[in-house]
């Protein structure tokens, strides 16, 4: 194969035989999107291609952009490349992108997880010759606890706040984590959400995802004692004083390590991630049957070393796409 299938550029992951970009970091004519988070779906591109369930989320974030969508598993030929989307389990609509070119298949995983999540389609194993994978938590120290048990811990914390007549402030990303928390928590009382969460909740519920009872946070912030309040993590600590007395909790994979729990404003830390842990990464990637792996977004060198030691052709993908070397040149 003379022409490379996937190359790093300043605009992002470029697919030359199809003349399109995957999750571009700059404006491009055609963007193929793994999911609707802002670090993967950015404003300004000409046309976006994504999974069907990503469309409302994308438009909720970017406005009335030109979007084309595909059902799961359906193939679309762009140039000389067959493109299809397969569930990644990260958030609603998140996709692994399968690229087939002259009989050779490469899989771009995007962000993914295989833990059960009532608000996301279940991760699917996709057969490929080569895989470009995220490895956000690609170290053996990252092993997630049972998510069911974590949700029970969050519920117990909320009940403890109610007994003290404190408001339970929970910090979660507006898209994905917030909806997972709402759908998973038992109905213990009133639940209020930040305006940024409202838009995403509506897009989820329009697609039949049940989130339970919730309501927009009043503009004056006045809510009853014992209420559950969902806010984005970037909220300023001084703005929380309007909810006093309160406790603040957050859920993230990073909170597995003690150094990330040392935040004065954080009263409770729960380990719940929308990414695969190290052991899930290994299991899911080996399930693709691929012989060649490329690692990006995370502990790239550690994962490259681990997979190389297991006998795979294993490479570090350039960080930030500034290195223009072509790491993938098709079938060996």
Protein backbone atom coordinates (compact mmCIF):
# COMPACT_ATOMS: atom_id res chain seq x y z
CA UNK A 1 0.00 0.00 0.00
CA UNK A 2 1.69 3.17 -1.19
CA UNK A 3 -0.69 5.76 0.24
CA UNK A 4 -1.00 6.05 4.06
CA UNK A 5 -4.44 5.62 5.56
CA UNK A 6 -4.04 7.87 8.60
CA UNK A 7 -1.50 10.65 9.18
CA UNK A 8 -0.94 13.31 11.86
CA UNK A 9 -1.31 16.92 10.72
CA UNK A 10 -1.65 20.30 12.43
CA UNK A 11 -5.40 20.08 11.78
CA UNK A 12 -5.68 16.64 13.40
CA UNK A 13 -5.98 13.04 12.23
CA UNK A 14 -6.13 13.12 8.43
CA UNK A 15 -7.32 10.30 6.18
CA UNK A 16 -5.75 11.07 2.74
CA UNK A 17 -7.60 8.48 0.58
CA UNK A 18 -10.90 9.87 1.93
CA UNK A 19 -9.85 13.54 2.28
CA UNK A 20 -11.41 13.96 5.71
CA UNK A 21 -10.29 14.50 9.30
CA UNK A 22 -11.19 12.65 12.49
CA UNK A 23 -11.88 14.90 15.52
CA UNK A 24 -9.98 17.82 13.94
CA UNK A 25 -8.46 20.45 16.20
CA UNK A 26 -8.91 23.20 13.57
CA UNK A 27 -11.52 24.09 10.96
CA UNK A 28 -11.63 21.61 8.08
CA UNK A 29 -14.05 20.99 5.18
CA UNK A 30 -15.17 17.54 6.43
CA UNK A 31 -14.93 16.37 10.05
CA UNK A 32 -15.71 12.82 11.17
CA UNK A 33 -16.50 12.96 14.90
CA UNK A 34 -16.13 10.26 17.54
CA UNK A 35 -18.36 12.04 20.09
CA UNK A 36 -19.70 15.44 21.14
CA UNK A 37 -17.27 16.46 23.89
CA UNK A 38 -15.66 19.82 23.18
CA UNK A 39 -12.14 18.41 22.85
CA UNK A 40 -13.33 16.17 20.00
CA UNK A 41 -16.07 18.21 18.31
CA UNK A 42 -15.06 21.80 17.65
CA UNK A 43 -16.77 24.69 15.90
CA UNK A 44 -16.10 25.89 12.37
CA UNK A 45 -15.85 22.80 10.15
CA UNK A 46 -17.85 22.61 6.94
CA UNK A 47 -19.69 19.30 7.41
CA UNK A 48 -19.72 16.91 10.35
CA UNK A 49 -20.26 13.15 10.16
CA UNK A 50 -21.19 11.34 13.37
CA UNK A 51 -23.38 8.62 14.86
CA UNK A 52 -27.13 9.23 14.84
CA UNK A 53 -27.41 9.68 18.61
CA UNK A 54 -24.58 12.24 18.58
CA UNK A 55 -26.48 14.63 16.29
CA UNK A 56 -28.72 16.26 18.99
CA UNK A 57 -25.74 16.58 21.33
CA UNK A 58 -23.56 18.11 18.62
CA UNK A 59 -26.21 20.64 17.66
CA UNK A 60 -26.90 21.36 21.32
CA UNK A 61 -23.28 22.39 21.68
CA UNK A 62 -22.39 23.85 18.26
CA UNK A 63 -25.72 25.17 17.01
CA UNK A 64 -27.31 24.53 13.63
CA UNK A 65 -24.24 23.03 11.93
CA UNK A 66 -24.32 20.85 8.81
CA UNK A 67 -24.42 17.27 10.08
CA UNK A 68 -24.63 13.90 8.37
CA UNK A 69 -25.17 10.78 10.48
CA UNK A 70 -24.88 7.02 10.17
CA UNK A 71 -26.66 4.20 12.02
CA UNK A 72 -24.40 1.87 13.95
CA UNK A 73 -22.46 -0.43 11.64
CA UNK A 74 -23.67 1.07 8.36
CA UNK A 75 -20.85 1.78 5.90
CA UNK A 76 -20.39 5.00 3.95
CA UNK A 77 -17.77 5.30 1.21
CA UNK A 78 -15.85 8.59 1.27
CA UNK A 79 -13.32 8.76 -1.52
CA UNK A 80 -11.70 5.34 -1.40
CA UNK A 81 -12.42 4.65 2.29
CA UNK A 82 -15.38 2.81 3.82
CA UNK A 83 -16.32 4.46 7.11
CA UNK A 84 -18.57 3.00 9.81
CA UNK A 85 -19.37 3.83 13.44
CA UNK A 86 -19.43 1.31 16.31
CA UNK A 87 -20.40 1.98 19.95
CA UNK A 88 -17.56 3.09 22.22
CA UNK A 89 -19.51 3.24 25.52
CA UNK A 90 -17.88 6.54 26.57
CA UNK A 91 -21.04 8.70 26.46
CA UNK A 92 -24.27 8.62 24.46
CA UNK A 93 -23.44 8.33 20.77
CA UNK A 94 -19.68 7.92 21.29
CA UNK A 95 -18.20 5.93 18.44
CA UNK A 96 -15.21 3.91 17.41
CA UNK A 97 -14.49 4.71 13.77
CA UNK A 98 -13.72 1.81 11.46
CA UNK A 99 -11.76 2.70 8.32
CA UNK A 100 -11.46 0.16 5.49
CA UNK A 101 -9.16 0.88 2.57
CA UNK A 102 -8.26 -1.69 -0.09
CA UNK A 103 -9.05 -4.55 2.27
CA UNK A 104 -7.09 -3.14 5.21
CA UNK A 105 -8.98 -2.11 8.34
CA UNK A 106 -7.89 0.46 10.90
CA UNK A 107 -9.91 1.28 14.00
CA UNK A 108 -9.81 4.67 15.76
CA UNK A 109 -11.27 4.03 19.20
CA UNK A 110 -11.89 7.59 20.37
CA UNK A 111 -12.59 7.63 24.12
CA UNK A 112 -14.19 4.41 25.33
CA UNK A 113 -15.18 2.30 28.31
CA UNK A 114 -16.77 -1.12 28.80
CA UNK A 115 -18.43 -0.58 32.20
CA UNK A 116 -22.23 -0.73 32.13
CA UNK A 117 -23.82 2.71 31.75
CA UNK A 118 -27.59 3.29 31.43
CA UNK A 119 -26.96 6.44 29.37
CA UNK A 120 -24.53 5.10 26.73
CA UNK A 121 -24.59 2.36 24.13
CA UNK A 122 -22.50 -0.65 25.20
CA UNK A 123 -18.93 -0.89 23.86
CA UNK A 124 -18.58 -3.24 20.90
CA UNK A 125 -15.54 -5.26 19.85
CA UNK A 126 -14.54 -4.42 16.26
CA UNK A 127 -12.12 -6.57 14.28
CA UNK A 128 -9.23 -4.66 12.68
CA UNK A 129 -5.69 -5.03 11.41
CA UNK A 130 -4.49 -1.93 13.28
CA UNK A 131 -5.84 0.25 16.09
CA UNK A 132 -5.23 3.84 17.15
CA UNK A 133 -6.33 3.96 20.79
CA UNK A 134 -6.63 6.43 23.61
CA UNK A 135 -4.84 5.41 26.82
CA UNK A 136 -5.92 8.11 29.29
CA UNK A 137 -5.57 5.66 32.20
CA UNK A 138 -2.94 3.39 30.68
CA UNK A 139 -1.08 2.43 33.87
CA UNK A 140 -1.70 -0.71 35.98
CA UNK A 141 -2.45 1.43 39.05
CA UNK A 142 -5.74 2.40 37.40
CA UNK A 143 -8.25 -0.36 38.18
CA UNK A 144 -11.82 0.85 38.68
CA UNK A 145 -14.04 -0.31 41.53
CA UNK A 146 -17.47 -1.74 40.71
CA UNK A 147 -19.57 1.21 39.40
CA UNK A 148 -22.68 -0.14 41.14
CA UNK A 149 -20.89 0.08 44.47
CA UNK A 150 -19.67 3.62 43.69
CA UNK A 151 -23.22 4.78 42.92
CA UNK A 152 -24.32 3.28 46.26
CA UNK A 153 -21.56 5.27 47.99
CA UNK A 154 -22.73 8.49 46.31
CA UNK A 155 -26.31 7.80 47.42
CA UNK A 156 -25.14 7.16 50.99
CA UNK A 157 -23.22 10.46 50.98
CA UNK A 158 -26.32 12.32 49.77
CA UNK A 159 -28.41 10.71 52.54
CA UNK A 160 -25.79 11.78 55.10
CA UNK A 161 -26.05 15.35 53.79
CA UNK A 162 -29.81 15.21 54.16
CA UNK A 163 -29.55 14.09 57.77
CA UNK A 164 -27.33 17.12 58.49
CA UNK A 165 -29.64 19.37 56.42
CA UNK A 166 -26.74 20.15 54.08
CA UNK A 167 -27.05 20.64 50.34
CA UNK A 168 -25.17 17.97 48.38
CA UNK A 169 -23.18 19.64 45.59
CA UNK A 170 -21.91 17.20 43.00
CA UNK A 171 -19.39 18.28 40.35
CA UNK A 172 -19.74 16.49 37.00
CA UNK A 173 -19.14 17.20 33.33
CA UNK A 174 -22.27 18.65 31.73
CA UNK A 175 -22.23 16.05 28.95
CA UNK A 176 -21.94 12.40 29.85
CA UNK A 177 -21.01 12.18 33.53
CA UNK A 178 -23.94 14.35 34.69
CA UNK A 179 -26.48 12.21 32.86
CA UNK A 180 -24.88 8.97 34.07
CA UNK A 181 -25.14 10.16 37.67
CA UNK A 182 -28.76 11.27 37.31
CA UNK A 183 -29.84 8.03 35.65
CA UNK A 184 -28.02 5.83 38.17
CA UNK A 185 -28.81 7.49 41.51
CA UNK A 186 -31.95 6.42 43.41
CA UNK A 187 -34.71 9.00 43.86
CA UNK A 188 -33.87 10.36 47.30
CA UNK A 189 -35.15 13.91 46.94
CA UNK A 190 -35.07 17.04 44.78
CA UNK A 191 -32.28 17.23 42.20
CA UNK A 192 -31.21 20.49 40.55
CA UNK A 193 -28.89 20.94 37.58
CA UNK A 194 -26.82 23.77 36.14
CA UNK A 195 -28.10 25.42 32.88
CA UNK A 196 -25.32 23.72 30.88
CA UNK A 197 -26.59 20.36 32.11
CA UNK A 198 -30.20 21.22 31.24
CA UNK A 199 -29.47 21.38 27.48
CA UNK A 200 -27.70 18.04 27.49
CA UNK A 201 -30.39 16.41 29.65
CA UNK A 202 -33.03 17.47 27.16
CA UNK A 203 -31.02 16.02 24.26
CA UNK A 204 -30.67 12.72 26.13
CA UNK A 205 -34.33 12.49 27.08
CA UNK A 206 -35.40 13.29 23.52
CA UNK A 207 -33.67 10.03 22.59
CA UNK A 208 -35.47 8.00 25.22
CA UNK A 209 -32.79 8.02 27.94
CA UNK A 210 -34.43 8.06 31.37
CA UNK A 211 -32.70 10.37 33.82
CA UNK A 212 -35.24 10.39 36.62
CA UNK A 213 -36.63 13.53 38.21
CA UNK A 214 -34.58 16.71 37.91
CA UNK A 215 -35.18 20.44 37.52
CA UNK A 216 -33.17 23.49 36.48
CA UNK A 217 -31.30 25.28 39.24
CA UNK A 218 -33.14 28.55 40.08
CA UNK A 219 -31.27 31.68 39.04
CA UNK A 220 -31.09 32.86 42.64
CA UNK A 221 -29.67 29.49 43.70
CA UNK A 222 -32.20 29.13 46.49
CA UNK A 223 -32.95 25.45 47.00
CA UNK A 224 -34.10 23.46 50.00
CA UNK A 225 -31.73 21.82 52.48
CA UNK A 226 -30.84 18.25 51.54
CA UNK A 227 -31.18 18.87 47.81
CA UNK A 228 -28.77 17.35 45.28
CA UNK A 229 -27.16 20.03 43.05
CA UNK A 230 -25.27 19.07 39.86
CA UNK A 231 -22.70 21.64 38.76
CA UNK A 232 -19.85 21.56 36.20
CA UNK A 233 -16.35 21.07 37.72
CA UNK A 234 -15.15 24.51 36.56
CA UNK A 235 -17.56 26.35 38.89
CA UNK A 236 -15.72 28.88 41.06
CA UNK A 237 -15.46 27.85 44.74
CA UNK A 238 -16.64 31.28 45.93
CA UNK A 239 -19.94 30.81 44.07
CA UNK A 240 -20.74 27.82 46.25
CA UNK A 241 -21.21 30.00 49.33
CA UNK A 242 -24.76 30.75 48.20
CA UNK A 243 -25.62 27.10 48.95
CA UNK A 244 -24.26 27.00 52.51
CA UNK A 245 -24.38 24.78 54.43
CA UNK A 246 -23.17 22.24 51.91
CA UNK A 247 -20.71 19.50 51.06
CA UNK A 248 -18.99 19.09 47.70
CA UNK A 249 -18.28 15.78 45.97
CA UNK A 250 -16.87 14.79 42.62
CA UNK A 251 -16.49 11.55 40.64
CA UNK A 252 -13.52 10.89 38.36
CA UNK A 253 -10.99 8.24 37.52
CA UNK A 254 -8.23 10.64 38.54
CA UNK A 255 -9.56 10.58 42.10
CA UNK A 256 -8.27 7.03 42.51
CA UNK A 257 -4.91 8.60 43.42
CA UNK A 258 -4.62 10.37 46.75
CA UNK A 259 -2.78 13.38 45.30
CA UNK A 260 -5.86 14.35 43.30
CA UNK A 261 -8.09 14.18 46.39
CA UNK A 262 -6.12 16.88 48.20
CA UNK A 263 -8.44 19.73 47.28
CA UNK A 264 -9.61 21.92 50.18
CA UNK A 265 -13.05 22.51 48.65
CA UNK A 266 -13.71 18.79 48.05
CA UNK A 267 -15.39 16.87 50.89
CA UNK A 268 -15.96 13.53 49.13
CA UNK A 269 -14.19 11.88 46.19
CA UNK A 270 -15.64 8.98 44.22
CA UNK A 271 -13.85 6.88 41.61
CA UNK A 272 -16.13 6.72 38.57
CA UNK A 273 -14.72 7.21 35.09
CA UNK A 274 -16.12 7.32 31.57
CA UNK A 275 -12.82 5.93 30.27
CA UNK A 276 -11.49 2.37 30.34
CA UNK A 277 -9.02 1.54 33.08
CA UNK A 278 -5.71 -0.14 32.23
CA UNK A 279 -7.09 -3.67 32.39
CA UNK A 280 -10.13 -2.79 30.27
CA UNK A 281 -7.85 -1.10 27.73
CA UNK A 282 -5.78 -4.25 27.35
CA UNK A 283 -8.80 -6.57 27.21
CA UNK A 284 -10.73 -4.43 24.72
CA UNK A 285 -7.77 -3.80 22.43
CA UNK A 286 -6.80 -7.46 22.30
CA UNK A 287 -10.42 -8.28 21.46
CA UNK A 288 -10.01 -6.44 18.14
CA UNK A 289 -7.63 -9.13 16.89
CA UNK A 290 -5.25 -6.42 15.67
CA UNK A 291 -1.52 -6.98 15.28
CA UNK A 292 -0.50 -3.32 15.27
CA UNK A 293 -1.34 -0.68 17.89
CA UNK A 294 -0.80 3.09 18.13
CA UNK A 295 -1.36 4.98 21.37
CA UNK A 296 -2.44 8.59 21.94
CA UNK A 297 -3.99 10.79 24.65
CA UNK A 298 -2.56 9.42 27.87
CA UNK A 299 0.21 7.12 29.02
CA UNK A 300 1.36 6.43 25.47
CA UNK A 301 4.89 5.30 26.20
CA UNK A 302 3.78 2.91 28.96
CA UNK A 303 1.12 1.30 26.77
CA UNK A 304 3.50 1.09 23.81
CA UNK A 305 6.08 -0.68 25.96
CA UNK A 306 3.50 -3.06 27.43
CA UNK A 307 2.05 -4.11 24.06
CA UNK A 308 5.51 -4.41 22.50
CA UNK A 309 6.53 -6.75 25.32
CA UNK A 310 3.50 -8.90 24.49
CA UNK A 311 4.76 -9.25 20.93
CA UNK A 312 2.62 -6.69 19.12
CA UNK A 313 3.86 -4.04 16.70
CA UNK A 314 3.34 -1.08 18.99
CA UNK A 315 3.94 2.66 18.49
CA UNK A 316 3.48 6.07 20.15
CA UNK A 317 1.33 8.41 18.08
CA UNK A 318 2.71 11.99 17.94
CA UNK A 319 1.38 14.23 20.68
CA UNK A 320 -0.36 17.36 19.43
CA UNK A 321 0.06 16.25 15.83
CA UNK A 322 3.15 18.47 15.45
CA UNK A 323 5.33 15.55 14.37
CA UNK A 324 4.46 14.92 10.73
CA UNK A 325 5.99 11.47 10.47
CA UNK A 326 3.64 8.94 8.91
CA UNK A 327 3.42 6.19 11.50
CA UNK A 328 0.86 4.14 9.63
CA UNK A 329 1.47 3.25 6.03
CA UNK A 330 -1.05 0.46 5.59
CA UNK A 331 -0.50 -3.27 5.64
CA UNK A 332 3.06 -4.40 6.31
